[in-house]
């Protein structure tokens, strides 16, 4: 094949996002970018109710796959803390904060796993709309409890290592960070869209 014809095919493939160029990694990046640009220009295809429910359920499950390992690791960490040798040295305040953080992590874990149990029990009952509404509430509450559990755990560890004023500052910062990124930012965006 002549060189002009080969480069013409490569340009055509690159524009359509279906082929590669001589440099495969940069070709894939350009094809991906081009595909994203063309996709952004395309009008949205109407989806039927069942397709929307299926898509939203997949999105929810993918989000839970991200949140669950974090809360499981935190919960496992909190379960092992009392068995450490230095746990005898914690103050009453630290024990109280530890216990509250443990309960918050437990509640978060229960709430984040509830959609799976609900889905399993209601399997093939054509109840996806209710599943999504209930699971959305469970997930938001679970994330809230996770933020509180992580904030409490931060206080527990920081107060154990440093003075209480340092623990208060770090805990306030952690709580503000969770509140801002996990709740205030999405709610502000929602308010701006209304």
C-alpha atoms as a PDB file:
ATOM      1  CA  UNK A   1       0.000   0.000   0.000  1.00  0.00           C
ATOM      2  CA  UNK A   2       1.452   3.385  -0.885  1.00  0.00           C
ATOM      3  CA  UNK A   3       2.469   5.670   1.973  1.00  0.00           C
ATOM      4  CA  UNK A   4      -0.119   8.333   1.056  1.00  0.00           C
ATOM      5  CA  UNK A   5      -2.899   5.787   1.120  1.00  0.00           C
ATOM      6  CA  UNK A   6      -1.719   4.342   4.477  1.00  0.00           C
ATOM      7  CA  UNK A   7      -1.629   7.753   6.127  1.00  0.00           C
ATOM      8  CA  UNK A   8      -5.064   8.553   4.662  1.00  0.00           C
ATOM      9  CA  UNK A   9      -6.450   5.347   6.243  1.00  0.00           C
ATOM     10  CA  UNK A  10      -4.827   6.202   9.549  1.00  0.00           C
ATOM     11  CA  UNK A  11      -6.340   9.706   9.502  1.00  0.00           C
ATOM     12  CA  UNK A  12      -9.722   8.253   8.672  1.00  0.00           C
ATOM     13  CA  UNK A  13      -9.455   5.687  11.460  1.00  0.00           C
ATOM     14  CA  UNK A  14      -8.244   8.322  13.896  1.00  0.00           C
ATOM     15  CA  UNK A  15     -11.179  10.623  13.079  1.00  0.00           C
ATOM     16  CA  UNK A  16     -13.667   7.823  13.584  1.00  0.00           C
ATOM     17  CA  UNK A  17     -11.957   6.563  16.714  1.00  0.00           C
ATOM     18  CA  UNK A  18     -11.852   3.035  15.303  1.00  0.00           C
ATOM     19  CA  UNK A  19      -8.229   2.541  14.471  1.00  0.00           C
ATOM     20  CA  UNK A  20      -4.765   3.312  15.599  1.00  0.00           C
ATOM     21  CA  UNK A  21      -1.880   5.306  14.295  1.00  0.00           C
ATOM     22  CA  UNK A  22       1.710   4.222  14.030  1.00  0.00           C
ATOM     23  CA  UNK A  23       2.232   5.040  17.719  1.00  0.00           C
ATOM     24  CA  UNK A  24      -0.329   2.777  19.366  1.00  0.00           C
ATOM     25  CA  UNK A  25      -0.504   4.453  22.794  1.00  0.00           C
ATOM     26  CA  UNK A  26      -0.837   7.993  21.480  1.00  0.00           C
ATOM     27  CA  UNK A  27      -3.158   6.711  18.769  1.00  0.00           C
ATOM     28  CA  UNK A  28      -5.446   5.181  21.378  1.00  0.00           C
ATOM     29  CA  UNK A  29      -5.376   8.389  23.391  1.00  0.00           C
ATOM     30  CA  UNK A  30      -6.268  10.455  20.329  1.00  0.00           C
ATOM     31  CA  UNK A  31      -8.981   7.990  19.330  1.00  0.00           C
ATOM     32  CA  UNK A  32     -10.403   8.065  22.846  1.00  0.00           C
ATOM     33  CA  UNK A  33     -10.307  11.863  22.945  1.00  0.00           C
ATOM     34  CA  UNK A  34     -11.882  12.110  19.513  1.00  0.00           C
ATOM     35  CA  UNK A  35     -14.576   9.628  20.505  1.00  0.00           C
ATOM     36  CA  UNK A  36     -15.299  11.668  23.627  1.00  0.00           C
ATOM     37  CA  UNK A  37     -15.554  14.881  21.612  1.00  0.00           C
ATOM     38  CA  UNK A  38     -17.926  13.320  19.107  1.00  0.00           C
ATOM     39  CA  UNK A  39     -19.961  11.726  21.898  1.00  0.00           C
ATOM     40  CA  UNK A  40     -20.310  15.100  23.615  1.00  0.00           C
ATOM     41  CA  UNK A  41     -21.747  16.567  20.411  1.00  0.00           C
ATOM     42  CA  UNK A  42     -24.267  13.795  19.862  1.00  0.00           C
ATOM     43  CA  UNK A  43     -27.760  14.352  21.192  1.00  0.00           C
ATOM     44  CA  UNK A  44     -28.776  12.120  24.049  1.00  0.00           C
ATOM     45  CA  UNK A  45     -30.640   9.042  23.009  1.00  0.00           C
ATOM     46  CA  UNK A  46     -33.903   8.619  24.820  1.00  0.00           C
ATOM     47  CA  UNK A  47     -33.877   5.619  27.102  1.00  0.00           C
ATOM     48  CA  UNK A  48     -36.906   3.704  28.175  1.00  0.00           C
ATOM     49  CA  UNK A  49     -37.848   3.302  31.820  1.00  0.00           C
ATOM     50  CA  UNK A  50     -36.325  -0.176  32.158  1.00  0.00           C
ATOM     51  CA  UNK A  51     -33.012   0.932  30.615  1.00  0.00           C
ATOM     52  CA  UNK A  52     -32.879   3.929  32.961  1.00  0.00           C
ATOM     53  CA  UNK A  53     -33.516   1.712  36.000  1.00  0.00           C
ATOM     54  CA  UNK A  54     -30.860  -0.763  34.871  1.00  0.00           C
ATOM     55  CA  UNK A  55     -28.323   2.034  34.306  1.00  0.00           C
ATOM     56  CA  UNK A  56     -29.053   3.663  37.674  1.00  0.00           C
ATOM     57  CA  UNK A  57     -28.749   0.329  39.476  1.00  0.00           C
ATOM     58  CA  UNK A  58     -25.373  -0.316  37.846  1.00  0.00           C
ATOM     59  CA  UNK A  59     -24.220   3.194  38.825  1.00  0.00           C
ATOM     60  CA  UNK A  60     -25.325   2.612  42.422  1.00  0.00           C
ATOM     61  CA  UNK A  61     -23.551  -0.741  42.625  1.00  0.00           C
ATOM     62  CA  UNK A  62     -20.355   0.757  41.218  1.00  0.00           C
ATOM     63  CA  UNK A  63     -20.466   3.528  43.829  1.00  0.00           C
ATOM     64  CA  UNK A  64     -20.970   0.970  46.597  1.00  0.00           C
ATOM     65  CA  UNK A  65     -17.958  -0.985  45.328  1.00  0.00           C
ATOM     66  CA  UNK A  66     -15.882   2.104  46.056  1.00  0.00           C
ATOM     67  CA  UNK A  67     -17.322   2.908  49.508  1.00  0.00           C
ATOM     68  CA  UNK A  68     -17.582  -0.585  50.994  1.00  0.00           C
ATOM     69  CA  UNK A  69     -13.880  -1.511  51.162  1.00  0.00           C
ATOM     70  CA  UNK A  70     -13.111   1.711  53.021  1.00  0.00           C
ATOM     71  CA  UNK A  71     -15.725   1.179  55.686  1.00  0.00           C
ATOM     72  CA  UNK A  72     -14.809  -2.506  56.004  1.00  0.00           C
ATOM     73  CA  UNK A  73     -11.146  -1.656  56.592  1.00  0.00           C
ATOM     74  CA  UNK A  74     -12.065   1.046  59.115  1.00  0.00           C
ATOM     75  CA  UNK A  75     -14.402  -1.329  60.939  1.00  0.00           C
ATOM     76  CA  UNK A  76     -11.756  -4.070  61.013  1.00  0.00           C
ATOM     77  CA  UNK A  77      -9.202  -1.591  62.366  1.00  0.00           C
ATOM     78  CA  UNK A  78     -11.596  -0.451  65.084  1.00  0.00           C
ATOM     79  CA  UNK A  79     -12.364  -4.040  66.052  1.00  0.00           C
ATOM     80  CA  UNK A  80      -8.683  -4.784  66.640  1.00  0.00           C
ATOM     81  CA  UNK A  81      -7.803  -1.642  68.622  1.00  0.00           C
ATOM     82  CA  UNK A  82      -8.877  -2.888  72.076  1.00  0.00           C
ATOM     83  CA  UNK A  83      -6.568  -5.885  71.751  1.00  0.00           C
ATOM     84  CA  UNK A  84      -3.470  -3.737  71.337  1.00  0.00           C
ATOM     85  CA  UNK A  85      -1.149  -3.522  74.329  1.00  0.00           C
ATOM     86  CA  UNK A  86      -1.364   0.266  74.569  1.00  0.00           C
ATOM     87  CA  UNK A  87      -5.178   0.366  74.706  1.00  0.00           C
ATOM     88  CA  UNK A  88      -4.960   0.229  78.512  1.00  0.00           C
ATOM     89  CA  UNK A  89      -3.508   3.749  78.431  1.00  0.00           C
ATOM     90  CA  UNK A  90      -6.458   5.446  76.713  1.00  0.00           C
ATOM     91  CA  UNK A  91      -8.462   7.990  78.656  1.00  0.00           C
ATOM     92  CA  UNK A  92     -12.185   7.775  79.327  1.00  0.00           C
ATOM     93  CA  UNK A  93     -12.819  10.362  76.605  1.00  0.00           C
ATOM     94  CA  UNK A  94     -10.800   8.334  74.112  1.00  0.00           C
ATOM     95  CA  UNK A  95     -12.696   5.157  75.042  1.00  0.00           C
ATOM     96  CA  UNK A  96     -16.009   6.949  74.527  1.00  0.00           C
ATOM     97  CA  UNK A  97     -14.927   8.366  71.167  1.00  0.00           C
ATOM     98  CA  UNK A  98     -13.582   4.967  70.134  1.00  0.00           C
ATOM     99  CA  UNK A  99     -16.859   3.241  71.012  1.00  0.00           C
ATOM    100  CA  UNK A 100     -18.955   5.843  69.185  1.00  0.00           C
ATOM    101  CA  UNK A 101     -16.685   5.561  66.111  1.00  0.00           C
ATOM    102  CA  UNK A 102     -17.042   1.772  66.222  1.00  0.00           C
ATOM    103  CA  UNK A 103     -20.844   2.038  66.345  1.00  0.00           C
ATOM    104  CA  UNK A 104     -20.860   4.606  63.541  1.00  0.00           C
ATOM    105  CA  UNK A 105     -18.707   2.337  61.367  1.00  0.00           C
ATOM    106  CA  UNK A 106     -21.064  -0.551  62.139  1.00  0.00           C
ATOM    107  CA  UNK A 107     -24.079   1.544  61.127  1.00  0.00           C
ATOM    108  CA  UNK A 108     -22.297   2.682  57.964  1.00  0.00           C
ATOM    109  CA  UNK A 109     -21.425  -0.881  57.029  1.00  0.00           C
ATOM    110  CA  UNK A 110     -25.000  -2.046  57.620  1.00  0.00           C
ATOM    111  CA  UNK A 111     -26.444   0.813  55.548  1.00  0.00           C
ATOM    112  CA  UNK A 112     -23.999   0.402  52.669  1.00  0.00           C
ATOM    113  CA  UNK A 113     -24.617  -3.343  52.484  1.00  0.00           C
ATOM    114  CA  UNK A 114     -28.409  -3.029  52.818  1.00  0.00           C
ATOM    115  CA  UNK A 115     -29.023  -2.459  49.081  1.00  0.00           C
ATOM    116  CA  UNK A 116     -27.435  -5.825  48.310  1.00  0.00           C
ATOM    117  CA  UNK A 117     -29.626  -7.622  50.849  1.00  0.00           C
ATOM    118  CA  UNK A 118     -32.726  -5.778  49.638  1.00  0.00           C
ATOM    119  CA  UNK A 119     -31.944  -6.678  46.035  1.00  0.00           C
ATOM    120  CA  UNK A 120     -31.341 -10.335  46.896  1.00  0.00           C
ATOM    121  CA  UNK A 121     -34.568 -10.662  48.889  1.00  0.00           C
ATOM    122  CA  UNK A 122     -36.663  -8.831  46.268  1.00  0.00           C
ATOM    123  CA  UNK A 123     -35.003 -10.700  43.371  1.00  0.00           C
ATOM    124  CA  UNK A 124     -37.168 -10.706  40.229  1.00  0.00           C
ATOM    125  CA  UNK A 125     -40.057  -8.928  41.896  1.00  0.00           C
ATOM    126  CA  UNK A 126     -39.948  -6.082  39.334  1.00  0.00           C
ATOM    127  CA  UNK A 127     -39.279  -3.660  42.168  1.00  0.00           C
ATOM    128  CA  UNK A 128     -36.231  -1.758  40.820  1.00  0.00           C
ATOM    129  CA  UNK A 129     -37.702   1.720  41.229  1.00  0.00           C
ATOM    130  CA  UNK A 130     -38.340   1.125  44.943  1.00  0.00           C
ATOM    131  CA  UNK A 131     -34.960  -0.601  45.268  1.00  0.00           C
ATOM    132  CA  UNK A 132     -33.211   2.445  43.818  1.00  0.00           C
ATOM    133  CA  UNK A 133     -35.080   4.933  45.995  1.00  0.00           C
ATOM    134  CA  UNK A 134     -34.515   2.967  49.202  1.00  0.00           C
ATOM    135  CA  UNK A 135     -30.903   2.134  48.312  1.00  0.00           C
ATOM    136  CA  UNK A 136     -30.169   5.771  47.535  1.00  0.00           C
ATOM    137  CA  UNK A 137     -31.311   6.718  51.033  1.00  0.00           C
ATOM    138  CA  UNK A 138     -29.313   3.866  52.570  1.00  0.00           C
ATOM    139  CA  UNK A 139     -26.209   4.905  50.634  1.00  0.00           C
ATOM    140  CA  UNK A 140     -26.409   8.588  51.558  1.00  0.00           C
ATOM    141  CA  UNK A 141     -26.971   7.705  55.226  1.00  0.00           C
ATOM    142  CA  UNK A 142     -24.142   5.143  55.089  1.00  0.00           C
ATOM    143  CA  UNK A 143     -21.750   7.708  53.654  1.00  0.00           C
ATOM    144  CA  UNK A 144     -22.793  10.162  56.371  1.00  0.00           C
ATOM    145  CA  UNK A 145     -22.129   7.604  59.101  1.00  0.00           C
ATOM    146  CA  UNK A 146     -18.820   6.728  57.426  1.00  0.00           C
ATOM    147  CA  UNK A 147     -17.765  10.400  57.512  1.00  0.00           C
ATOM    148  CA  UNK A 148     -18.652  10.573  61.208  1.00  0.00           C
ATOM    149  CA  UNK A 149     -16.854   7.286  61.965  1.00  0.00           C
ATOM    150  CA  UNK A 150     -13.730   8.450  60.165  1.00  0.00           C
ATOM    151  CA  UNK A 151     -13.855  11.794  61.945  1.00  0.00           C
ATOM    152  CA  UNK A 152     -14.222  10.045  65.306  1.00  0.00           C
ATOM    153  CA  UNK A 153     -11.354   7.698  64.466  1.00  0.00           C
ATOM    154  CA  UNK A 154      -9.181  10.670  63.556  1.00  0.00           C
ATOM    155  CA  UNK A 155      -9.950  12.229  66.935  1.00  0.00           C
ATOM    156  CA  UNK A 156      -9.221   8.958  68.749  1.00  0.00           C
ATOM    157  CA  UNK A 157      -5.824   8.439  67.126  1.00  0.00           C
ATOM    158  CA  UNK A 158      -4.776  12.108  67.222  1.00  0.00           C
ATOM    159  CA  UNK A 159      -5.798  12.520  70.873  1.00  0.00           C
ATOM    160  CA  UNK A 160      -3.883   9.355  71.758  1.00  0.00           C
ATOM    161  CA  UNK A 161      -0.723  10.654  70.068  1.00  0.00           C
ATOM    162  CA  UNK A 162      -0.940  14.390  70.811  1.00  0.00           C
ATOM    163  CA  UNK A 163      -2.716  16.859  73.065  1.00  0.00           C
ATOM    164  CA  UNK A 164      -6.481  17.274  72.989  1.00  0.00           C
ATOM    165  CA  UNK A 165      -6.266  20.700  71.313  1.00  0.00           C
ATOM    166  CA  UNK A 166      -4.354  19.173  68.373  1.00  0.00           C
ATOM    167  CA  UNK A 167      -6.961  16.416  68.155  1.00  0.00           C
ATOM    168  CA  UNK A 168      -9.752  18.990  68.141  1.00  0.00           C
ATOM    169  CA  UNK A 169      -8.132  20.982  65.322  1.00  0.00           C
ATOM    170  CA  UNK A 170      -7.393  17.946  63.162  1.00  0.00           C
ATOM    171  CA  UNK A 171     -10.856  16.501  63.796  1.00  0.00           C
ATOM    172  CA  UNK A 172     -12.561  19.772  62.900  1.00  0.00           C
ATOM    173  CA  UNK A 173     -10.513  19.910  59.694  1.00  0.00           C
ATOM    174  CA  UNK A 174     -11.357  16.320  58.792  1.00  0.00           C
ATOM    175  CA  UNK A 175     -15.052  16.870  59.508  1.00  0.00           C
ATOM    176  CA  UNK A 176     -15.066  20.049  57.429  1.00  0.00           C
ATOM    177  CA  UNK A 177     -13.311  18.262  54.565  1.00  0.00           C
ATOM    178  CA  UNK A 178     -15.839  15.406  54.548  1.00  0.00           C
ATOM    179  CA  UNK A 179     -18.735  17.812  54.895  1.00  0.00           C
ATOM    180  CA  UNK A 180     -17.490  20.007  52.071  1.00  0.00           C
ATOM    181  CA  UNK A 181     -16.492  17.333  49.550  1.00  0.00           C
ATOM    182  CA  UNK A 182     -19.116  14.689  50.280  1.00  0.00           C
ATOM    183  CA  UNK A 183     -22.166  16.843  51.014  1.00  0.00           C
ATOM    184  CA  UNK A 184     -21.863  20.610  50.530  1.00  0.00           C
ATOM    185  CA  UNK A 185     -20.358  20.441  47.039  1.00  0.00           C
ATOM    186  CA  UNK A 186     -23.005  18.122  45.536  1.00  0.00           C
ATOM    187  CA  UNK A 187     -25.837  19.973  47.320  1.00  0.00           C
ATOM    188  CA  UNK A 188     -24.524  23.342  46.117  1.00  0.00           C
ATOM    189  CA  UNK A 189     -24.415  22.004  42.564  1.00  0.00           C
ATOM    190  CA  UNK A 190     -27.976  20.727  42.920  1.00  0.00           C
ATOM    191  CA  UNK A 191     -29.137  24.088  44.275  1.00  0.00           C
ATOM    192  CA  UNK A 192     -27.430  25.883  41.382  1.00  0.00           C
ATOM    193  CA  UNK A 193     -29.224  23.646  38.870  1.00  0.00           C
ATOM    194  CA  UNK A 194     -32.656  24.425  40.375  1.00  0.00           C
END
